[in-house]
Amino acid sequence: MNTSDELTQLRRRIEELERSEARYRGIFESSPISLWEEDWSAVRRHLDRIIASGVTDLDTHLRAHVDDVFTGIALVKILDVNKATLELCRASSKEQILAGLSVIFDEPSVLTFRRELVALGSGATSFEEETFISTLDGERRTVTLRLAMSAGSEQTWERCFVSLLDITDRKRAEEALRQSKEETIRAQMTMLAQLSTPVIPISDDVIVMPLIGALDRARMQQATGALLDELQRRSARVAILDITGVPGMDAEATHGILQAAGAVRLLGAKVVLTGIRPEVARCLVDLGSDLPDIVTRGTLQAGIAYAMQGGAGGR
């Protein structure tokens, strides 16, 4: 092959490279995702010096020496960014971004960078994490950061590419949906609690609260609150607590009933406890509870009859 042929082939090769570079630049610049071309070679030398000093645990060292993290941030050389980056960071020119990473970094960004250093210093050639950046006008944006070393730069870190996918709107929508779900769940729980401890008016003076199922402290507190609210709202003079549907009375349930009765009496009303089955009565006696000042009846029907007769006959 003569010199003329060699020059022709070389010229063609150069033209192919220029076309390839032009295509790359076109894709880079027009991408809707924020893209950064960076040189981390100085960062690599910085980490090499730290490790050469005898550091065996890079993560522990960088946690204790935050100045080394900030040094690494300052050593990153930004080679180029695309239009999407200017829009994301709300920059008017590339020069504002090329000044350095610190212009968009806040505390979470620094923590992410530290984890990047640890990953790359441990031999990784890529890194991905959800983090935050600050726009030039001070707004925090949530982004998915991805860093990858360019082919051929795995050892020197001379060329790496970073993408920032703005997921702020998606995260806000997810948070709004989460809050909405939590509010719905709370409303449903409140409704179920109200259904599980309903307050039923028998007349203007008498209300009934049938209790069904096990009575723990939380449920008795909720039931007592609902009972007192209804007593006050209706100005009722008798509150019937029916425990027919309670499978058994332990110390906690008995204490809850006594507290509810005491609170009702403080509002000037009388308590009638119904559904006292033999086994429940024995449980109350065994627990040493004499249920002072509480009218007791074996059935709800008997309790309602007592209340409707004006509470005559005492206990």
Protein backbone atom coordinates (compact mmCIF):
# COMPACT_ATOMS: atom_id res chain seq x y z
CA MET A 1 0.00 0.00 0.00
CA ASN A 2 1.48 3.34 -1.07
CA THR A 3 1.44 6.55 0.92
CA SER A 4 -1.46 7.99 -1.09
CA ASP A 5 -3.70 5.00 -0.23
CA GLU A 6 -2.74 5.20 3.44
CA LEU A 7 -3.62 8.89 3.56
CA THR A 8 -6.95 8.20 1.85
CA GLN A 9 -7.86 5.50 4.38
CA LEU A 10 -6.77 7.71 7.25
CA ARG A 11 -8.88 10.57 5.94
CA ARG A 12 -11.89 8.26 5.64
CA ARG A 13 -11.34 7.01 9.17
CA ILE A 14 -11.19 10.56 10.50
CA GLU A 15 -14.37 11.45 8.64
CA GLU A 16 -16.13 8.40 10.12
CA LEU A 17 -15.03 9.41 13.60
CA GLU A 18 -16.23 12.96 13.02
CA ARG A 19 -19.62 11.70 11.83
CA SER A 20 -19.83 9.38 14.82
CA GLU A 21 -18.93 12.21 17.17
CA ALA A 22 -21.52 14.44 15.52
CA ARG A 23 -24.19 11.77 15.96
CA TYR A 24 -23.20 11.32 19.60
CA ARG A 25 -23.33 15.08 20.20
CA GLY A 26 -26.73 15.28 18.55
CA ILE A 27 -28.12 12.52 20.73
CA PHE A 28 -26.43 13.97 23.84
CA GLU A 29 -27.74 17.47 23.27
CA SER A 30 -31.30 16.50 22.29
CA SER A 31 -31.88 13.91 25.04
CA PRO A 32 -34.87 14.79 27.25
CA ILE A 33 -32.92 13.49 30.26
CA SER A 34 -30.25 15.58 31.98
CA LEU A 35 -26.84 14.30 30.80
CA TRP A 36 -23.42 15.22 32.15
CA GLU A 37 -20.02 14.37 30.69
CA GLU A 38 -17.40 14.49 33.44
CA ASP A 39 -13.71 13.85 34.11
CA TRP A 40 -13.11 12.08 37.43
CA SER A 41 -9.40 11.37 36.95
CA ALA A 42 -8.39 13.83 39.69
CA VAL A 43 -10.93 12.20 42.00
CA ARG A 44 -9.34 8.82 41.28
CA ARG A 45 -5.90 10.15 42.24
CA HIS A 46 -7.39 11.70 45.39
CA LEU A 47 -8.84 8.35 46.48
CA ASP A 48 -5.60 6.56 45.59
CA ARG A 49 -3.70 8.89 47.94
CA ILE A 50 -6.20 8.24 50.75
CA ILE A 51 -5.94 4.46 50.32
CA ALA A 52 -2.14 4.64 50.02
CA SER A 53 -2.02 6.40 53.40
CA GLY A 54 -3.15 3.15 55.01
CA VAL A 55 -6.93 3.51 54.93
CA THR A 56 -8.55 0.08 54.67
CA ASP A 57 -12.18 1.06 55.19
CA LEU A 58 -12.96 3.91 52.79
CA ASP A 59 -16.55 4.32 53.95
CA THR A 60 -15.57 4.73 57.61
CA HIS A 61 -12.80 7.14 56.66
CA LEU A 62 -15.04 9.35 54.53
CA ARG A 63 -17.70 9.42 57.24
CA ALA A 64 -15.11 10.69 59.68
CA HIS A 65 -13.33 13.02 57.22
CA VAL A 66 -16.04 14.93 55.39
CA ASP A 67 -13.40 17.34 54.08
CA ASP A 68 -12.13 14.53 51.83
CA VAL A 69 -15.64 14.20 50.38
CA PHE A 70 -15.82 17.92 49.63
CA THR A 71 -12.36 17.75 48.08
CA GLY A 72 -13.63 15.00 45.77
CA ILE A 73 -16.63 17.15 44.78
CA ALA A 74 -14.31 20.04 43.92
CA LEU A 75 -12.06 17.77 41.82
CA VAL A 76 -14.83 16.62 39.46
CA LYS A 77 -14.36 18.40 36.14
CA ILE A 78 -17.59 18.88 34.22
CA LEU A 79 -16.83 18.66 30.51
CA ASP A 80 -20.29 19.22 29.08
CA VAL A 81 -24.01 19.17 29.87
CA ASN A 82 -27.03 19.12 27.59
CA LYS A 83 -30.07 21.38 27.26
CA ALA A 84 -32.16 19.18 29.56
CA THR A 85 -29.62 19.84 32.31
CA LEU A 86 -30.02 23.59 31.93
CA GLU A 87 -33.79 23.18 32.20
CA LEU A 88 -33.54 20.90 35.24
CA CYS A 89 -31.11 23.17 37.06
CA ARG A 90 -32.81 26.33 35.78
CA ALA A 91 -29.55 27.65 34.43
CA SER A 92 -29.37 30.24 31.68
CA SER A 93 -26.06 28.99 30.29
CA LYS A 94 -23.76 25.98 30.41
CA GLU A 95 -21.07 28.09 32.07
CA GLN A 96 -23.18 28.25 35.23
CA ILE A 97 -23.11 24.45 35.47
CA LEU A 98 -19.55 23.92 34.28
CA ALA A 99 -18.40 25.92 37.31
CA GLY A 100 -18.67 22.73 39.38
CA LEU A 101 -21.00 20.28 41.10
CA SER A 102 -21.27 22.38 44.24
CA VAL A 103 -23.71 24.74 42.51
CA ILE A 104 -26.44 22.08 42.66
CA PHE A 105 -25.36 20.14 45.74
CA ASP A 106 -27.10 20.18 49.12
CA GLU A 107 -26.69 17.87 52.11
CA PRO A 108 -28.38 14.77 50.58
CA SER A 109 -26.30 15.26 47.42
CA VAL A 110 -23.09 15.21 49.48
CA LEU A 111 -24.16 11.96 51.15
CA THR A 112 -24.86 10.46 47.73
CA PHE A 113 -21.45 11.58 46.48
CA ARG A 114 -19.78 9.93 49.47
CA ARG A 115 -21.51 6.65 48.62
CA GLU A 116 -20.40 7.10 45.00
CA LEU A 117 -16.80 7.46 46.12
CA VAL A 118 -17.04 4.31 48.25
CA ALA A 119 -18.58 2.30 45.39
CA LEU A 120 -16.11 3.47 42.75
CA GLY A 121 -13.19 3.18 45.15
CA SER A 122 -14.20 -0.45 45.73
CA GLY A 123 -13.95 -1.22 42.02
CA ALA A 124 -17.44 -0.48 40.71
CA THR A 125 -17.71 1.19 37.30
CA SER A 126 -21.29 2.39 37.75
CA PHE A 127 -23.50 3.76 40.47
CA GLU A 128 -27.23 4.50 40.83
CA GLU A 129 -29.23 6.14 43.60
CA GLU A 130 -32.29 8.26 44.22
CA THR A 131 -31.20 11.60 45.65
CA PHE A 132 -31.82 15.36 45.60
CA ILE A 133 -30.32 18.36 43.87
CA SER A 134 -30.92 22.07 44.30
CA THR A 135 -31.78 24.18 41.28
CA LEU A 136 -29.94 27.46 40.86
CA ASP A 137 -32.99 29.30 42.18
CA GLY A 138 -33.06 27.15 45.31
CA GLU A 139 -35.75 24.51 44.70
CA ARG A 140 -35.03 20.95 45.76
CA ARG A 141 -35.73 18.35 43.08
CA THR A 142 -35.81 14.57 43.48
CA VAL A 143 -33.76 12.73 40.87
CA THR A 144 -32.55 9.27 39.98
CA LEU A 145 -28.81 9.58 39.49
CA ARG A 146 -26.93 7.13 37.31
CA LEU A 147 -23.15 7.24 36.77
CA ALA A 148 -21.21 5.03 34.37
CA MET A 149 -17.56 5.08 33.39
CA SER A 150 -16.99 5.34 29.65
CA ALA A 151 -15.49 2.31 27.92
CA GLY A 152 -11.73 2.54 28.17
CA SER A 153 -11.84 4.88 31.19
CA GLU A 154 -12.48 2.26 33.84
CA GLN A 155 -8.98 2.64 35.29
CA THR A 156 -8.32 6.34 34.80
CA TRP A 157 -11.88 7.69 35.27
CA GLU A 158 -11.04 10.27 32.62
CA ARG A 159 -14.50 10.14 31.13
CA CYS A 160 -17.76 9.23 32.75
CA PHE A 161 -21.38 9.97 32.03
CA VAL A 162 -24.01 10.96 34.56
CA SER A 163 -27.75 11.11 33.98
CA LEU A 164 -30.28 12.79 36.24
CA LEU A 165 -33.89 11.72 35.78
CA ASP A 166 -36.24 14.22 37.41
CA ILE A 167 -38.84 12.24 39.39
CA THR A 168 -40.06 15.10 41.58
CA ASP A 169 -43.60 15.18 40.20
CA ARG A 170 -43.91 11.41 40.43
CA LYS A 171 -42.71 11.39 44.05
CA ARG A 172 -45.12 14.17 44.95
CA ALA A 173 -47.98 12.26 43.35
CA GLU A 174 -46.95 9.10 45.22
CA GLU A 175 -46.80 11.02 48.50
CA ALA A 176 -50.21 12.59 47.87
CA LEU A 177 -51.62 9.13 47.09
CA ARG A 178 -50.02 7.69 50.23
CA GLN A 179 -51.50 10.44 52.39
CA SER A 180 -54.88 9.97 50.75
CA LYS A 181 -54.75 6.24 51.46
CA GLU A 182 -53.74 6.87 55.07
CA GLU A 183 -56.59 9.34 55.52
CA THR A 184 -59.01 6.84 53.97
CA ILE A 185 -57.73 4.08 56.26
CA ARG A 186 -58.06 6.34 59.30
CA ALA A 187 -61.60 7.27 58.29
CA GLN A 188 -62.47 3.61 57.77
CA MET A 189 -60.97 2.67 61.13
CA THR A 190 -62.95 5.43 62.82
CA MET A 191 -66.12 4.26 61.12
CA LEU A 192 -65.45 0.63 62.08
CA ALA A 193 -64.74 1.69 65.65
CA GLN A 194 -68.02 3.57 65.74
CA LEU A 195 -69.83 0.58 64.30
CA SER A 196 -68.19 -1.76 66.82
CA THR A 197 -69.32 0.44 69.73
CA PRO A 198 -72.57 2.04 68.58
CA VAL A 199 -74.58 4.32 70.84
CA ILE A 200 -78.31 3.69 70.40
CA PRO A 201 -80.87 6.19 71.75
CA ILE A 202 -83.87 4.50 73.40
CA SER A 203 -85.55 7.76 74.38
CA ASP A 204 -84.56 11.32 75.08
CA ASP A 205 -83.27 10.22 78.50
CA VAL A 206 -81.84 6.76 77.81
CA ILE A 207 -79.04 5.54 75.56
CA VAL A 208 -77.64 2.03 75.08
CA MET A 209 -74.14 0.95 74.11
CA PRO A 210 -73.97 -2.78 73.27
CA LEU A 211 -70.41 -4.10 73.58
CA ILE A 212 -69.50 -7.13 71.48
CA GLY A 213 -66.23 -9.05 71.48
CA ALA A 214 -63.12 -8.75 73.62
CA LEU A 215 -62.62 -5.52 75.54
CA ASP A 216 -59.05 -4.25 75.62
CA ARG A 217 -57.86 -0.90 76.92
CA ALA A 218 -57.84 0.86 73.56
CA ARG A 219 -61.35 -0.27 72.71
CA MET A 220 -62.73 0.72 76.11
CA GLN A 221 -61.15 4.16 75.80
CA GLN A 222 -62.77 4.62 72.40
CA ALA A 223 -66.11 3.30 73.67
CA THR A 224 -66.00 5.56 76.73
CA GLY A 225 -65.27 8.59 74.56
CA ALA A 226 -68.18 7.82 72.23
CA LEU A 227 -70.51 7.19 75.19
CA LEU A 228 -69.61 10.47 76.91
CA ASP A 229 -69.98 12.45 73.68
CA GLU A 230 -73.47 11.07 73.12
CA LEU A 231 -74.48 11.61 76.76
CA GLN A 232 -73.44 15.23 76.57
CA ARG A 233 -75.04 15.77 73.19
CA ARG A 234 -78.39 14.31 74.24
CA SER A 235 -78.32 15.29 77.93
CA ALA A 236 -79.38 11.70 78.69
CA ARG A 237 -79.80 10.65 82.32
CA VAL A 238 -79.23 6.86 81.93
CA ALA A 239 -76.53 5.01 80.00
CA ILE A 240 -76.95 1.26 79.54
CA LEU A 241 -73.77 -0.74 78.93
CA ASP A 242 -74.72 -4.16 77.58
CA ILE A 243 -71.99 -6.82 77.78
CA THR A 244 -74.11 -9.72 76.55
CA GLY A 245 -71.80 -10.08 73.55
CA VAL A 246 -68.57 -9.96 75.59
CA PRO A 247 -67.18 -13.50 75.81
CA GLY A 248 -65.44 -12.98 79.15
CA MET A 249 -64.40 -10.30 81.60
CA ASP A 250 -60.78 -10.04 82.71
CA ALA A 251 -59.15 -7.45 84.97
CA GLU A 252 -58.50 -5.04 82.10
CA ALA A 253 -62.09 -5.19 80.82
CA THR A 254 -63.52 -4.79 84.34
CA HIS A 255 -61.28 -1.81 84.99
CA GLY A 256 -62.42 -0.28 81.71
CA ILE A 257 -66.09 -0.73 82.62
CA LEU A 258 -65.52 0.87 86.03
CA GLN A 259 -63.73 3.82 84.48
CA ALA A 260 -66.54 4.30 81.95
CA ALA A 261 -69.12 4.15 84.74
CA GLY A 262 -67.19 6.70 86.78
CA ALA A 263 -66.96 9.07 83.84
CA VAL A 264 -70.70 8.74 83.16
CA ARG A 265 -71.50 9.56 86.79
CA LEU A 266 -69.33 12.68 86.57
CA LEU A 267 -71.69 13.88 83.85
CA GLY A 268 -74.62 13.39 86.23
CA ALA A 269 -76.01 10.25 84.58
CA LYS A 270 -76.68 6.75 85.93
CA VAL A 271 -75.05 3.59 84.59
CA VAL A 272 -76.96 0.34 84.05
CA LEU A 273 -74.81 -2.71 83.31
CA THR A 274 -76.69 -5.50 81.55
CA GLY A 275 -75.84 -8.95 80.26
CA ILE A 276 -74.53 -10.17 83.61
CA ARG A 277 -74.37 -13.91 83.04
CA PRO A 278 -73.41 -16.28 85.89
CA GLU A 279 -69.86 -16.77 84.58
CA VAL A 280 -69.44 -13.02 84.18
CA ALA A 281 -70.73 -12.46 87.72
CA ARG A 282 -68.27 -15.03 89.08
CA CYS A 283 -65.46 -13.32 87.15
CA LEU A 284 -66.41 -9.96 88.65
CA VAL A 285 -66.51 -11.44 92.16
CA ASP A 286 -63.18 -13.22 91.68
CA LEU A 287 -61.63 -9.95 90.56
CA GLY A 288 -62.93 -8.28 93.70
CA SER A 289 -65.14 -5.81 91.87
CA ASP A 290 -68.34 -4.74 93.65
CA LEU A 291 -69.31 -2.30 90.87
CA PRO A 292 -70.30 0.52 93.27
CA ASP A 293 -73.19 2.76 92.28
CA ILE A 294 -73.84 0.72 89.12
CA VAL A 295 -77.25 -0.81 88.50
CA THR A 296 -76.93 -4.34 87.13
CA ARG A 297 -79.48 -6.42 85.25
CA GLY A 298 -79.26 -9.85 83.71
CA THR A 299 -80.62 -8.88 80.31
CA LEU A 300 -80.70 -5.81 78.11
CA GLN A 301 -84.51 -5.98 78.11
CA ALA A 302 -84.56 -5.79 81.92
CA GLY A 303 -82.12 -2.89 81.87
CA ILE A 304 -84.23 -0.93 79.38
CA ALA A 305 -87.36 -1.61 81.44
CA TYR A 306 -85.61 -0.31 84.55
CA ALA A 307 -84.41 2.82 82.79
CA MET A 308 -87.78 3.57 81.19
CA GLN A 309 -89.47 3.33 84.58
CA GLY A 310 -87.36 6.20 85.78
CA GLY A 311 -84.75 4.12 87.54
CA ALA A 312 -87.10 3.23 90.38
CA GLY A 313 -86.15 0.43 92.69
CA GLY A 314 -82.44 1.25 92.89
CA ARG A 315 -80.15 -1.66 92.20
